[in-house]
């Protein structure tokens, strides 16, 4: 291996990203990762009260099990959006809608 020039190999993650880019699937992959990270980023109490979560046109739609939870979440929506942007970059979601 030491005889290979530096830069000939790329990480598995980069190879997967390159493949997804070539098939124009990067956004769907990033969206799936974002949704899978919901509980980790917002915490178990909020995740347990979440009925449905999906992304459409760079908007994250989150359906909660009660109007009270929806209201409480909407008070912190901007903070949650910033957490997701820090984790995944600016391009995946631009807004969060609590339902």
C-alpha atoms as a PDB file:
ATOM      1  CA  UNK A   1       0.000   0.000   0.000  1.00  0.00           C
ATOM      2  CA  UNK A   2       2.813   2.417   0.709  1.00  0.00           C
ATOM      3  CA  UNK A   3       3.767   2.355  -2.986  1.00  0.00           C
ATOM      4  CA  UNK A   4       0.467   4.059  -3.973  1.00  0.00           C
ATOM      5  CA  UNK A   5       0.429   7.797  -4.410  1.00  0.00           C
ATOM      6  CA  UNK A   6      -1.375   9.805  -1.799  1.00  0.00           C
ATOM      7  CA  UNK A   7      -4.863  10.718  -2.965  1.00  0.00           C
ATOM      8  CA  UNK A   8      -5.484   7.595  -5.048  1.00  0.00           C
ATOM      9  CA  UNK A   9      -7.883   6.251  -2.475  1.00  0.00           C
ATOM     10  CA  UNK A  10     -10.947   7.942  -1.094  1.00  0.00           C
ATOM     11  CA  UNK A  11     -12.948   7.145   1.977  1.00  0.00           C
ATOM     12  CA  UNK A  12     -15.915   4.817   1.704  1.00  0.00           C
ATOM     13  CA  UNK A  13     -18.150   7.714   2.723  1.00  0.00           C
ATOM     14  CA  UNK A  14     -16.814   9.877  -0.117  1.00  0.00           C
ATOM     15  CA  UNK A  15     -17.189   7.018  -2.599  1.00  0.00           C
ATOM     16  CA  UNK A  16     -20.827   6.586  -1.565  1.00  0.00           C
ATOM     17  CA  UNK A  17     -21.448  10.348  -1.804  1.00  0.00           C
ATOM     18  CA  UNK A  18     -19.878  10.394  -5.300  1.00  0.00           C
ATOM     19  CA  UNK A  19     -22.117   7.505  -6.367  1.00  0.00           C
ATOM     20  CA  UNK A  20     -25.221   9.208  -4.963  1.00  0.00           C
ATOM     21  CA  UNK A  21     -24.280  12.422  -6.764  1.00  0.00           C
ATOM     22  CA  UNK A  22     -23.880  10.564 -10.034  1.00  0.00           C
ATOM     23  CA  UNK A  23     -27.411   9.163  -9.679  1.00  0.00           C
ATOM     24  CA  UNK A  24     -28.777  12.467  -8.289  1.00  0.00           C
ATOM     25  CA  UNK A  25     -29.811  10.788  -5.037  1.00  0.00           C
ATOM     26  CA  UNK A  26     -27.820  12.931  -2.602  1.00  0.00           C
ATOM     27  CA  UNK A  27     -30.816  14.983  -1.455  1.00  0.00           C
ATOM     28  CA  UNK A  28     -32.908  11.883  -0.717  1.00  0.00           C
ATOM     29  CA  UNK A  29     -30.010  10.325   1.175  1.00  0.00           C
ATOM     30  CA  UNK A  30     -29.505  13.515   3.220  1.00  0.00           C
ATOM     31  CA  UNK A  31     -33.247  13.761   3.896  1.00  0.00           C
ATOM     32  CA  UNK A  32     -33.332  10.168   5.127  1.00  0.00           C
ATOM     33  CA  UNK A  33     -30.347  10.847   7.406  1.00  0.00           C
ATOM     34  CA  UNK A  34     -32.018  13.965   8.777  1.00  0.00           C
ATOM     35  CA  UNK A  35     -35.242  12.109   9.555  1.00  0.00           C
ATOM     36  CA  UNK A  36     -33.284   9.252  11.128  1.00  0.00           C
ATOM     37  CA  UNK A  37     -31.516  11.816  13.354  1.00  0.00           C
ATOM     38  CA  UNK A  38     -34.753  13.341  14.666  1.00  0.00           C
ATOM     39  CA  UNK A  39     -34.710  11.607  18.069  1.00  0.00           C
ATOM     40  CA  UNK A  40     -30.984  12.144  18.590  1.00  0.00           C
ATOM     41  CA  UNK A  41     -31.205  15.877  17.874  1.00  0.00           C
ATOM     42  CA  UNK A  42     -34.500  16.807  19.549  1.00  0.00           C
ATOM     43  CA  UNK A  43     -34.439  14.254  22.373  1.00  0.00           C
ATOM     44  CA  UNK A  44     -36.647  11.346  23.381  1.00  0.00           C
ATOM     45  CA  UNK A  45     -39.489  13.359  24.959  1.00  0.00           C
ATOM     46  CA  UNK A  46     -40.169  15.266  21.717  1.00  0.00           C
ATOM     47  CA  UNK A  47     -39.534  12.237  19.508  1.00  0.00           C
ATOM     48  CA  UNK A  48     -42.041  10.145  21.509  1.00  0.00           C
ATOM     49  CA  UNK A  49     -44.712  12.802  20.893  1.00  0.00           C
ATOM     50  CA  UNK A  50     -43.964  12.927  17.139  1.00  0.00           C
ATOM     51  CA  UNK A  51     -46.526  11.082  15.018  1.00  0.00           C
ATOM     52  CA  UNK A  52     -45.126  11.760  11.550  1.00  0.00           C
ATOM     53  CA  UNK A  53     -42.106  13.489  10.021  1.00  0.00           C
ATOM     54  CA  UNK A  54     -41.267  14.099   6.363  1.00  0.00           C
ATOM     55  CA  UNK A  55     -39.528  16.554   4.049  1.00  0.00           C
ATOM     56  CA  UNK A  56     -41.053  18.188   0.986  1.00  0.00           C
ATOM     57  CA  UNK A  57     -39.459  21.024  -0.995  1.00  0.00           C
ATOM     58  CA  UNK A  58     -36.836  21.693   1.705  1.00  0.00           C
ATOM     59  CA  UNK A  59     -39.534  22.013   4.392  1.00  0.00           C
ATOM     60  CA  UNK A  60     -39.514  19.608   7.341  1.00  0.00           C
ATOM     61  CA  UNK A  61     -43.088  18.764   8.332  1.00  0.00           C
ATOM     62  CA  UNK A  62     -43.522  17.414  11.854  1.00  0.00           C
ATOM     63  CA  UNK A  63     -46.867  16.134  13.117  1.00  0.00           C
ATOM     64  CA  UNK A  64     -47.284  15.938  16.885  1.00  0.00           C
ATOM     65  CA  UNK A  65     -49.779  13.971  18.954  1.00  0.00           C
ATOM     66  CA  UNK A  66     -51.336  17.035  20.597  1.00  0.00           C
ATOM     67  CA  UNK A  67     -51.967  20.744  19.966  1.00  0.00           C
ATOM     68  CA  UNK A  68     -50.065  21.543  23.172  1.00  0.00           C
ATOM     69  CA  UNK A  69     -46.957  19.750  21.961  1.00  0.00           C
ATOM     70  CA  UNK A  70     -47.254  21.447  18.563  1.00  0.00           C
ATOM     71  CA  UNK A  71     -47.432  24.846  20.271  1.00  0.00           C
ATOM     72  CA  UNK A  72     -44.516  24.097  22.613  1.00  0.00           C
ATOM     73  CA  UNK A  73     -42.384  22.909  19.706  1.00  0.00           C
ATOM     74  CA  UNK A  74     -43.249  25.945  17.585  1.00  0.00           C
ATOM     75  CA  UNK A  75     -41.719  28.159  20.297  1.00  0.00           C
ATOM     76  CA  UNK A  76     -38.373  26.416  19.737  1.00  0.00           C
ATOM     77  CA  UNK A  77     -38.652  25.774  15.999  1.00  0.00           C
ATOM     78  CA  UNK A  78     -35.885  28.261  15.055  1.00  0.00           C
ATOM     79  CA  UNK A  79     -33.447  26.632  17.493  1.00  0.00           C
ATOM     80  CA  UNK A  80     -34.215  23.158  16.122  1.00  0.00           C
ATOM     81  CA  UNK A  81     -33.777  24.414  12.550  1.00  0.00           C
ATOM     82  CA  UNK A  82     -30.347  25.793  13.476  1.00  0.00           C
ATOM     83  CA  UNK A  83     -29.360  22.439  15.031  1.00  0.00           C
ATOM     84  CA  UNK A  84     -30.270  20.644  11.818  1.00  0.00           C
ATOM     85  CA  UNK A  85     -28.428  23.196   9.692  1.00  0.00           C
ATOM     86  CA  UNK A  86     -25.291  22.787  11.818  1.00  0.00           C
ATOM     87  CA  UNK A  87     -25.522  19.007  11.531  1.00  0.00           C
ATOM     88  CA  UNK A  88     -26.485  18.710   7.848  1.00  0.00           C
ATOM     89  CA  UNK A  89     -25.686  22.052   6.215  1.00  0.00           C
ATOM     90  CA  UNK A  90     -27.969  24.744   4.819  1.00  0.00           C
ATOM     91  CA  UNK A  91     -29.306  22.992   1.748  1.00  0.00           C
ATOM     92  CA  UNK A  92     -31.506  20.202   3.094  1.00  0.00           C
ATOM     93  CA  UNK A  93     -34.207  22.082   5.017  1.00  0.00           C
ATOM     94  CA  UNK A  94     -35.001  25.772   5.143  1.00  0.00           C
ATOM     95  CA  UNK A  95     -38.103  25.680   7.324  1.00  0.00           C
ATOM     96  CA  UNK A  96     -39.881  23.500   9.867  1.00  0.00           C
ATOM     97  CA  UNK A  97     -43.662  23.303   9.995  1.00  0.00           C
ATOM     98  CA  UNK A  98     -45.277  21.881  13.126  1.00  0.00           C
ATOM     99  CA  UNK A  99     -48.627  20.201  12.524  1.00  0.00           C
END
